[in-house]
Amino acid sequence: MPQTVPTSFLVLLLVVAGSLPAAAQTSNATLNASFNGLARVSLSTATLTFPDADPDTVLTIPASQGPVTITTKARTSVNGAVTLTVLASDQLRSGLNTIPASSITWTASGPGFTSGTLSATSAQTVASWVGSGVRTGTQSFMFRNLWTYATGTYTLTMTFTLSAA
């Protein structure tokens, strides 16, 4: 019987120890997320055509495709400037014949979008605003129609550049 008492005492000690609350412990973790500047531009069409017309009756020819919808997406600082520009690759060319790129003008609609004239020497502002976001606007292109142009099919490439500071 002397062995029974210590066993009972051990069981009682384990029951008491199991009912005590565990010590609380906290730990902190740090979350870091980095976002770099990013800019993306898309156009509703990549080709513009201007049909032939009589310069006496049609002084400016609108592009057959109608307005071009431009969607821009930019991620920048809170006060970062976002600018969309366009630059002609060259003058309009048909073989050796040229027509100045400035014969192409546009009107624009949408917040921050502006009207302008195409240039082959300096990028022209199409739109500008401050801060990140998605912006959409339109450009309606027109071609100045003159009797002095030599016959031919004239082409040039326009490069749109979206930059976020």
Protein backbone atom coordinates (compact mmCIF):
# COMPACT_ATOMS: atom_id res chain seq x y z
CA MET A 1 0.00 0.00 0.00
CA PRO A 2 2.82 2.48 0.45
CA GLN A 3 3.17 2.58 -3.35
CA THR A 4 -0.43 3.69 -3.93
CA VAL A 5 -0.05 7.09 -2.27
CA PRO A 6 2.82 8.33 -4.42
CA THR A 7 1.00 7.25 -7.61
CA SER A 8 -2.13 9.15 -6.59
CA PHE A 9 -0.05 12.18 -5.76
CA LEU A 10 1.61 12.05 -9.21
CA VAL A 11 -1.77 11.86 -10.97
CA LEU A 12 -3.06 14.79 -8.92
CA LEU A 13 0.05 16.80 -9.78
CA LEU A 14 -0.45 16.16 -13.54
CA VAL A 15 -4.11 17.18 -13.41
CA VAL A 16 -3.30 20.44 -11.61
CA ALA A 17 -0.44 21.25 -13.99
CA GLY A 18 -2.69 20.64 -17.07
CA SER A 19 -5.30 23.13 -15.89
CA LEU A 20 -2.89 26.09 -15.64
CA PRO A 21 -3.09 28.58 -18.58
CA ALA A 22 -0.25 28.48 -21.11
CA ALA A 23 1.90 31.61 -21.32
CA ALA A 24 0.81 33.96 -24.22
CA GLN A 25 3.38 34.93 -26.81
CA THR A 26 3.13 37.38 -29.73
CA SER A 27 5.35 37.95 -32.71
CA ASN A 28 5.31 40.60 -35.43
CA ALA A 29 5.84 40.14 -39.16
CA THR A 30 6.58 42.90 -41.69
CA LEU A 31 4.95 42.91 -45.10
CA ASN A 32 6.69 44.78 -47.94
CA ALA A 33 5.17 45.37 -51.39
CA SER A 34 7.15 47.27 -54.02
CA PHE A 35 5.53 48.86 -57.06
CA ASN A 36 7.70 50.26 -59.83
CA GLY A 37 6.62 52.83 -62.38
CA LEU A 38 4.77 51.29 -65.31
CA ALA A 39 3.09 52.69 -68.43
CA ARG A 40 1.00 51.08 -71.17
CA VAL A 41 -0.83 52.57 -74.17
CA SER A 42 -3.22 50.93 -76.64
CA LEU A 43 -4.95 52.25 -79.76
CA SER A 44 -8.27 51.08 -81.20
CA THR A 45 -6.69 50.93 -84.67
CA ALA A 46 -3.14 50.81 -85.98
CA THR A 47 -3.98 52.06 -89.48
CA LEU A 48 -5.42 55.34 -90.72
CA THR A 49 -6.49 56.04 -94.28
CA PHE A 50 -7.62 59.26 -95.90
CA PRO A 51 -9.74 58.88 -99.05
CA ASP A 52 -9.10 61.05 -102.10
CA ALA A 53 -11.34 64.11 -102.37
CA ASP A 54 -11.69 67.27 -104.46
CA PRO A 55 -9.69 70.07 -102.77
CA ASP A 56 -12.31 72.64 -103.94
CA THR A 57 -15.06 70.97 -101.94
CA VAL A 58 -13.20 69.12 -99.13
CA LEU A 59 -10.51 71.22 -97.46
CA THR A 60 -9.72 68.69 -94.73
CA ILE A 61 -10.29 64.95 -95.10
CA PRO A 62 -11.21 63.01 -91.95
CA ALA A 63 -9.67 59.57 -91.46
CA SER A 64 -11.92 56.81 -92.78
CA GLN A 65 -11.67 54.91 -89.48
CA GLY A 66 -13.22 57.76 -87.49
CA PRO A 67 -11.87 58.69 -84.06
CA VAL A 68 -9.06 56.58 -82.63
CA THR A 69 -9.72 55.51 -79.05
CA ILE A 70 -6.60 55.68 -76.89
CA THR A 71 -6.41 53.86 -73.57
CA THR A 72 -3.51 54.62 -71.26
CA LYS A 73 -2.51 52.95 -68.00
CA ALA A 74 0.18 54.49 -65.84
CA ARG A 75 1.57 53.82 -62.38
CA THR A 76 3.62 56.65 -60.91
CA SER A 77 4.09 58.61 -57.69
CA VAL A 78 1.20 60.61 -56.20
CA ASN A 79 2.34 63.81 -57.94
CA GLY A 80 4.10 62.11 -60.86
CA ALA A 81 3.56 63.55 -64.32
CA VAL A 82 2.17 61.28 -67.03
CA THR A 83 2.52 62.36 -70.66
CA LEU A 84 1.42 60.82 -73.96
CA THR A 85 3.18 62.10 -77.07
CA VAL A 86 3.18 61.29 -80.79
CA LEU A 87 6.02 61.69 -83.30
CA ALA A 88 5.95 61.09 -87.06
CA SER A 89 8.77 58.90 -88.37
CA ASP A 90 9.26 61.23 -91.35
CA GLN A 91 7.25 63.37 -93.74
CA LEU A 92 4.50 61.62 -95.70
CA ARG A 93 6.33 59.87 -98.56
CA SER A 94 5.39 58.42 -101.91
CA GLY A 95 8.64 57.50 -103.64
CA LEU A 96 10.62 60.74 -103.85
CA ASN A 97 7.54 62.93 -103.29
CA THR A 98 6.77 64.26 -99.82
CA ILE A 99 3.97 66.03 -98.00
CA PRO A 100 4.78 67.65 -94.63
CA ALA A 101 3.70 65.63 -91.60
CA SER A 102 2.14 68.88 -90.36
CA SER A 103 -0.60 68.33 -92.99
CA ILE A 104 -2.07 65.92 -90.42
CA THR A 105 -3.92 67.50 -87.48
CA TRP A 106 -6.20 66.09 -84.79
CA THR A 107 -8.89 67.10 -82.38
CA ALA A 108 -9.08 65.29 -79.08
CA SER A 109 -11.62 64.51 -76.41
CA GLY A 110 -11.26 63.11 -72.92
CA PRO A 111 -9.80 64.48 -69.69
CA GLY A 112 -6.22 65.64 -70.23
CA PHE A 113 -6.30 65.04 -74.02
CA THR A 114 -5.46 67.95 -76.33
CA SER A 115 -5.72 68.81 -80.03
CA GLY A 116 -2.59 69.23 -82.11
CA THR A 117 -0.55 68.98 -85.30
CA LEU A 118 1.71 66.08 -86.26
CA SER A 119 5.45 66.73 -86.50
CA ALA A 120 8.40 64.73 -87.81
CA THR A 121 10.91 66.79 -85.80
CA SER A 122 9.50 67.01 -82.26
CA ALA A 123 7.12 64.87 -80.26
CA GLN A 124 3.72 66.52 -79.81
CA THR A 125 1.69 66.20 -76.61
CA VAL A 126 -1.51 64.20 -77.02
CA ALA A 127 -2.44 64.04 -73.32
CA SER A 128 -1.05 64.78 -69.87
CA TRP A 129 -2.15 64.45 -66.25
CA VAL A 130 -0.81 63.88 -62.74
CA GLY A 131 -0.87 60.60 -60.80
CA SER A 132 -1.54 56.95 -61.51
CA GLY A 133 -4.62 55.64 -63.25
CA VAL A 134 -6.34 54.53 -66.41
CA ARG A 135 -7.33 57.27 -68.87
CA THR A 136 -9.23 57.02 -72.13
CA GLY A 137 -9.63 59.62 -74.86
CA THR A 138 -10.03 59.95 -78.61
CA GLN A 139 -8.14 61.54 -81.47
CA SER A 140 -9.92 62.46 -84.69
CA PHE A 141 -7.31 62.82 -87.46
CA MET A 142 -7.69 65.15 -90.46
CA PHE A 143 -5.57 65.63 -93.57
CA ARG A 144 -5.19 69.07 -95.21
CA ASN A 145 -6.25 68.61 -98.85
CA LEU A 146 -4.35 70.75 -101.39
CA TRP A 147 -4.09 70.87 -105.19
CA THR A 148 -0.28 71.05 -104.95
CA TYR A 149 0.26 67.42 -103.87
CA ALA A 150 1.78 65.09 -106.46
CA THR A 151 -0.24 61.95 -107.14
CA GLY A 152 0.71 58.81 -105.22
CA THR A 153 0.07 56.79 -102.08
CA TYR A 154 1.78 58.51 -99.15
CA THR A 155 2.71 56.83 -95.87
CA LEU A 156 4.38 57.55 -92.56
CA THR A 157 4.56 55.89 -89.15
CA MET A 158 3.39 57.61 -85.97
CA THR A 159 5.02 56.56 -82.69
CA PHE A 160 3.01 57.11 -79.51
CA THR A 161 5.03 57.26 -76.27
CA LEU A 162 3.53 57.15 -72.79
CA SER A 163 5.89 58.21 -70.03
CA ALA A 164 5.38 58.36 -66.28
CA ALA A 165 7.78 60.25 -64.03
